[in-house]
């Protein structure tokens, strides 16, 4: 996270809130522009920004209480499944994934794995409620799905990691809390003096551009996937309906000459 990215995100968020009056509560990450400075940089019409007091996020912010931990646990489970699959397929560098694939995993994790009950419990734990009701205290244990913890422990054994870290320590790894860092001028000068960058040095870019897929190729892939699920002993009808929906959408796009 950087201040530039944060500013662009805030503008987009405010635009999405058009017609509403919302309160945006944030922590004191160094990339979050201070409130007084923010007012002189950008005009936001639908959003009131409020920064939490320092050192309080672990107590009053639902994301820090358990939502982020749950997301990370499910993400690691999906990543480990992908790693096991690549090891079985003898992929050269099974651990290497690009940013786009990591984003796909994150989207699937948030939309399909993180349970609404977990989010609800985290808000209850922080006593953030829509109505004034008596709340039974929520212990920290139910804030994380114990099933995913068990799955992660089994995956670690299957992958045969040497000297593996405890799963809960892995999910709550302290270094990952540092989401933004602004080096001092002294640190920048010291770094450049000890590690000078050659003038002709160009950073290697090993990313690969994705080749655009044609509609008929996408339809063929969807048909193969449909055939795969139909050949299973227990047919998943919801999956077949989803695949057919994808095929219908592609056909509509083809008829509209969008692809």
Protein backbone atom coordinates (compact mmCIF):
# COMPACT_ATOMS: atom_id res chain seq x y z
CA UNK A 1 0.00 0.00 0.00
CA UNK A 2 1.17 3.51 -0.85
CA UNK A 3 -0.35 6.95 -0.37
CA UNK A 4 -0.91 7.26 -4.12
CA UNK A 5 -2.82 3.97 -4.28
CA UNK A 6 -4.77 4.88 -1.15
CA UNK A 7 -5.80 8.24 -2.62
CA UNK A 8 -7.03 6.66 -5.86
CA UNK A 9 -8.89 3.98 -3.92
CA UNK A 10 -10.55 6.60 -1.68
CA UNK A 11 -11.76 8.54 -4.71
CA UNK A 12 -13.25 5.39 -6.21
CA UNK A 13 -14.86 4.39 -2.92
CA UNK A 14 -16.44 7.82 -2.48
CA UNK A 15 -17.82 7.67 -6.02
CA UNK A 16 -19.41 4.28 -5.29
CA UNK A 17 -21.10 5.76 -2.22
CA UNK A 18 -22.92 8.41 -4.30
CA UNK A 19 -26.27 9.30 -2.74
CA UNK A 20 -25.26 7.93 0.64
CA UNK A 21 -23.55 9.30 3.75
CA UNK A 22 -21.08 6.73 5.07
CA UNK A 23 -18.42 6.58 7.75
CA UNK A 24 -15.09 5.05 6.65
CA UNK A 25 -13.18 3.77 9.69
CA UNK A 26 -9.47 3.07 9.15
CA UNK A 27 -6.33 2.32 11.13
CA UNK A 28 -3.18 4.42 11.26
CA UNK A 29 -1.23 2.68 8.50
CA UNK A 30 1.56 4.95 7.28
CA UNK A 31 0.09 4.81 3.77
CA UNK A 32 -3.19 6.32 4.99
CA UNK A 33 -2.89 10.06 4.47
CA UNK A 34 -3.45 12.08 7.69
CA UNK A 35 -6.90 13.64 7.97
CA UNK A 36 -5.77 17.29 7.89
CA UNK A 37 -3.59 16.67 4.85
CA UNK A 38 -6.31 14.64 3.15
CA UNK A 39 -8.78 17.54 3.23
CA UNK A 40 -6.38 19.72 1.21
CA UNK A 41 -5.68 17.04 -1.41
CA UNK A 42 -9.05 15.58 -2.35
CA UNK A 43 -12.72 16.47 -2.07
CA UNK A 44 -14.95 13.62 -0.93
CA UNK A 45 -18.68 14.23 -0.85
CA UNK A 46 -20.22 11.00 0.42
CA UNK A 47 -17.66 9.72 2.91
CA UNK A 48 -16.56 10.82 6.36
CA UNK A 49 -13.10 9.47 7.20
CA UNK A 50 -12.33 8.47 10.80
CA UNK A 51 -9.02 7.10 12.04
CA UNK A 52 -8.94 4.69 14.97
CA UNK A 53 -6.85 5.62 18.01
CA UNK A 54 -3.34 4.06 17.95
CA UNK A 55 -2.84 0.49 19.25
CA UNK A 56 -6.54 -0.34 19.35
CA UNK A 57 -7.12 -2.27 16.13
CA UNK A 58 -6.66 -5.71 17.75
CA UNK A 59 -9.50 -4.92 20.13
CA UNK A 60 -12.05 -2.98 18.12
CA UNK A 61 -11.42 -3.76 14.44
CA UNK A 62 -13.29 -6.88 13.18
CA UNK A 63 -10.74 -7.50 10.39
CA UNK A 64 -7.87 -7.74 12.87
CA UNK A 65 -9.88 -9.79 15.36
CA UNK A 66 -10.36 -12.74 13.02
CA UNK A 67 -11.57 -11.93 9.51
CA UNK A 68 -8.06 -11.48 8.06
CA UNK A 69 -6.84 -14.63 9.86
CA UNK A 70 -9.72 -16.61 8.36
CA UNK A 71 -8.99 -15.24 4.87
CA UNK A 72 -5.29 -16.14 5.18
CA UNK A 73 -6.06 -19.64 6.44
CA UNK A 74 -8.38 -20.40 3.54
CA UNK A 75 -5.96 -18.80 1.06
CA UNK A 76 -3.12 -21.00 2.31
CA UNK A 77 -5.32 -24.07 2.04
CA UNK A 78 -6.10 -23.27 -1.61
CA UNK A 79 -2.44 -22.49 -2.32
CA UNK A 80 -1.34 -25.80 -0.75
CA UNK A 81 -3.89 -27.69 -2.85
CA UNK A 82 -2.46 -26.00 -5.95
CA UNK A 83 1.07 -26.86 -4.79
CA UNK A 84 0.18 -30.53 -4.25
CA UNK A 85 -1.45 -30.63 -7.69
CA UNK A 86 1.65 -29.13 -9.33
CA UNK A 87 3.95 -31.54 -7.53
CA UNK A 88 1.86 -34.42 -8.84
CA UNK A 89 2.04 -32.94 -12.35
CA UNK A 90 5.84 -32.52 -11.97
CA UNK A 91 5.77 -28.77 -12.66
CA UNK A 92 9.31 -27.33 -12.69
CA UNK A 93 8.78 -24.60 -10.08
CA UNK A 94 5.53 -25.57 -8.31
CA UNK A 95 5.62 -22.79 -5.71
CA UNK A 96 5.89 -19.98 -8.26
CA UNK A 97 2.61 -18.22 -9.07
CA UNK A 98 2.06 -14.84 -10.68
CA UNK A 99 0.12 -11.94 -9.18
CA UNK A 100 -2.98 -12.61 -11.31
CA UNK A 101 -3.23 -16.20 -10.08
CA UNK A 102 -2.80 -15.04 -6.48
CA UNK A 103 -5.64 -12.57 -7.03
CA UNK A 104 -7.83 -15.35 -8.45
CA UNK A 105 -7.15 -17.45 -5.36
CA UNK A 106 -7.96 -14.51 -3.09
CA UNK A 107 -11.24 -13.74 -4.86
CA UNK A 108 -12.32 -17.38 -4.65
CA UNK A 109 -11.28 -17.51 -0.99
CA UNK A 110 -13.27 -14.44 -0.02
CA UNK A 111 -16.38 -15.19 -2.07
CA UNK A 112 -16.56 -18.97 -1.46
CA UNK A 113 -14.66 -19.91 1.72
CA UNK A 114 -14.85 -17.17 4.35
CA UNK A 115 -18.12 -17.77 6.16
CA UNK A 116 -20.62 -14.98 6.88
CA UNK A 117 -20.88 -16.44 10.39
CA UNK A 118 -17.16 -15.74 10.94
CA UNK A 119 -17.62 -12.10 9.91
CA UNK A 120 -20.72 -11.83 12.11
CA UNK A 121 -18.87 -13.28 15.12
CA UNK A 122 -15.95 -10.88 14.64
CA UNK A 123 -18.30 -7.90 14.63
CA UNK A 124 -20.05 -9.28 17.73
CA UNK A 125 -16.68 -9.77 19.42
CA UNK A 126 -15.89 -6.09 18.84
CA UNK A 127 -19.45 -5.18 19.95
CA UNK A 128 -20.22 -3.48 16.65
CA UNK A 129 -23.96 -4.02 16.32
CA UNK A 130 -26.83 -2.68 14.25
CA UNK A 131 -29.20 -2.82 17.25
CA UNK A 132 -28.75 -2.32 20.98
CA UNK A 133 -29.06 -5.87 22.28
CA UNK A 134 -27.42 -8.01 24.93
CA UNK A 135 -24.49 -9.83 23.38
CA UNK A 136 -23.01 -13.08 24.61
CA UNK A 137 -19.21 -12.71 24.64
CA UNK A 138 -17.55 -14.56 21.77
CA UNK A 139 -14.34 -16.43 22.60
CA UNK A 140 -11.42 -16.13 20.20
CA UNK A 141 -11.43 -19.82 19.22
CA UNK A 142 -14.69 -19.79 17.17
CA UNK A 143 -13.49 -16.69 15.28
CA UNK A 144 -11.35 -19.01 13.13
CA UNK A 145 -12.85 -22.07 11.46
CA UNK A 146 -11.25 -25.09 13.16
CA UNK A 147 -11.91 -27.20 10.05
CA UNK A 148 -9.50 -25.18 7.91
CA UNK A 149 -6.86 -25.37 10.65
CA UNK A 150 -7.15 -29.17 10.59
CA UNK A 151 -6.91 -29.21 6.78
CA UNK A 152 -3.78 -27.05 6.88
CA UNK A 153 -2.11 -29.35 9.40
CA UNK A 154 -2.83 -32.36 7.16
CA UNK A 155 -1.47 -30.52 4.11
CA UNK A 156 1.73 -29.63 5.95
CA UNK A 157 2.23 -33.32 6.74
CA UNK A 158 1.52 -34.29 3.12
CA UNK A 159 3.97 -31.70 1.79
CA UNK A 160 6.59 -32.90 4.30
CA UNK A 161 7.86 -29.47 5.26
CA UNK A 162 11.09 -29.55 7.23
CA UNK A 163 10.69 -28.01 10.71
CA UNK A 164 7.19 -26.63 9.94
CA UNK A 165 5.84 -23.59 11.80
CA UNK A 166 2.77 -24.00 13.98
CA UNK A 167 -0.31 -23.29 11.87
CA UNK A 168 -1.63 -20.52 14.12
CA UNK A 169 1.78 -18.82 14.13
CA UNK A 170 1.88 -19.12 10.34
CA UNK A 171 -1.49 -17.39 10.00
CA UNK A 172 -0.54 -14.67 12.49
CA UNK A 173 3.01 -14.16 11.23
CA UNK A 174 4.12 -10.83 12.80
CA UNK A 175 6.11 -9.61 9.78
CA UNK A 176 2.96 -9.66 7.63
CA UNK A 177 1.44 -6.92 9.77
CA UNK A 178 3.87 -4.45 8.18
CA UNK A 179 1.80 -3.47 5.14
CA UNK A 180 3.57 -0.22 4.34
CA UNK A 181 6.99 1.18 5.10
CA UNK A 182 8.43 4.58 4.27
CA UNK A 183 12.26 4.62 4.56
CA UNK A 184 13.94 7.67 6.02
CA UNK A 185 16.24 9.84 3.93
CA UNK A 186 19.21 8.52 5.90
CA UNK A 187 18.23 4.91 5.16
CA UNK A 188 17.88 5.64 1.43
CA UNK A 189 21.33 7.29 1.26
CA UNK A 190 22.91 4.47 3.25
CA UNK A 191 21.30 1.82 1.04
CA UNK A 192 22.49 3.49 -2.17
CA UNK A 193 26.00 3.96 -0.83
CA UNK A 194 26.39 0.32 0.19
CA UNK A 195 24.45 -1.18 -2.74
CA UNK A 196 24.90 1.13 -5.74
CA UNK A 197 22.69 0.35 -8.71
CA UNK A 198 24.62 0.04 -11.99
CA UNK A 199 23.52 2.55 -14.61
CA UNK A 200 22.86 -0.07 -17.26
CA UNK A 201 21.17 -2.54 -14.95
CA UNK A 202 17.63 -3.36 -15.99
CA UNK A 203 15.36 -5.28 -13.66
CA UNK A 204 14.48 -8.64 -15.14
CA UNK A 205 10.81 -9.16 -15.91
CA UNK A 206 9.88 -12.84 -16.00
CA UNK A 207 6.15 -12.19 -16.32
CA UNK A 208 4.38 -13.62 -19.33
CA UNK A 209 1.67 -11.86 -21.26
CA UNK A 210 -1.58 -13.78 -21.35
CA UNK A 211 -2.61 -14.76 -24.89
CA UNK A 212 -6.18 -13.58 -25.66
CA UNK A 213 -8.57 -16.53 -25.84
CA UNK A 214 -11.19 -16.73 -28.57
CA UNK A 215 -14.83 -17.41 -27.77
CA UNK A 216 -14.87 -20.78 -29.53
CA UNK A 217 -11.83 -21.88 -27.50
CA UNK A 218 -13.58 -20.89 -24.28
CA UNK A 219 -16.65 -22.85 -25.35
CA UNK A 220 -14.53 -25.93 -26.02
CA UNK A 221 -12.99 -25.67 -22.55
CA UNK A 222 -16.43 -25.31 -20.96
CA UNK A 223 -17.71 -28.32 -22.92
CA UNK A 224 -14.75 -30.43 -21.76
CA UNK A 225 -15.38 -29.39 -18.17
CA UNK A 226 -19.06 -30.23 -18.57
CA UNK A 227 -18.16 -33.66 -19.93
CA UNK A 228 -15.76 -34.26 -17.02
CA UNK A 229 -18.43 -33.64 -14.40
CA UNK A 230 -20.98 -35.78 -16.25
CA UNK A 231 -18.54 -38.72 -16.15
CA UNK A 232 -18.26 -38.68 -12.35
CA UNK A 233 -19.99 -41.33 -10.25
CA UNK A 234 -22.04 -38.70 -8.43
CA UNK A 235 -23.16 -35.94 -10.78
CA UNK A 236 -23.05 -32.45 -9.31
CA UNK A 237 -26.08 -30.80 -10.90
CA UNK A 238 -25.28 -27.34 -9.49
CA UNK A 239 -21.86 -27.50 -11.12
CA UNK A 240 -23.39 -28.50 -14.47
CA UNK A 241 -25.89 -25.67 -14.27
CA UNK A 242 -23.04 -23.24 -13.56
CA UNK A 243 -21.04 -24.48 -16.56
CA UNK A 244 -24.09 -24.25 -18.81
CA UNK A 245 -24.63 -20.68 -17.60
CA UNK A 246 -21.06 -19.85 -18.61
CA UNK A 247 -21.61 -21.40 -22.05
CA UNK A 248 -24.81 -19.40 -22.51
CA UNK A 249 -23.03 -16.17 -21.58
CA UNK A 250 -20.25 -16.86 -24.10
CA UNK A 251 -22.79 -17.56 -26.83
CA UNK A 252 -24.61 -14.32 -26.04
CA UNK A 253 -21.32 -12.43 -26.26
CA UNK A 254 -20.55 -14.08 -29.61
CA UNK A 255 -23.95 -13.17 -31.01
CA UNK A 256 -23.47 -9.60 -29.82
CA UNK A 257 -20.06 -9.55 -31.53
CA UNK A 258 -18.36 -8.51 -28.29
CA UNK A 259 -15.65 -11.14 -28.65
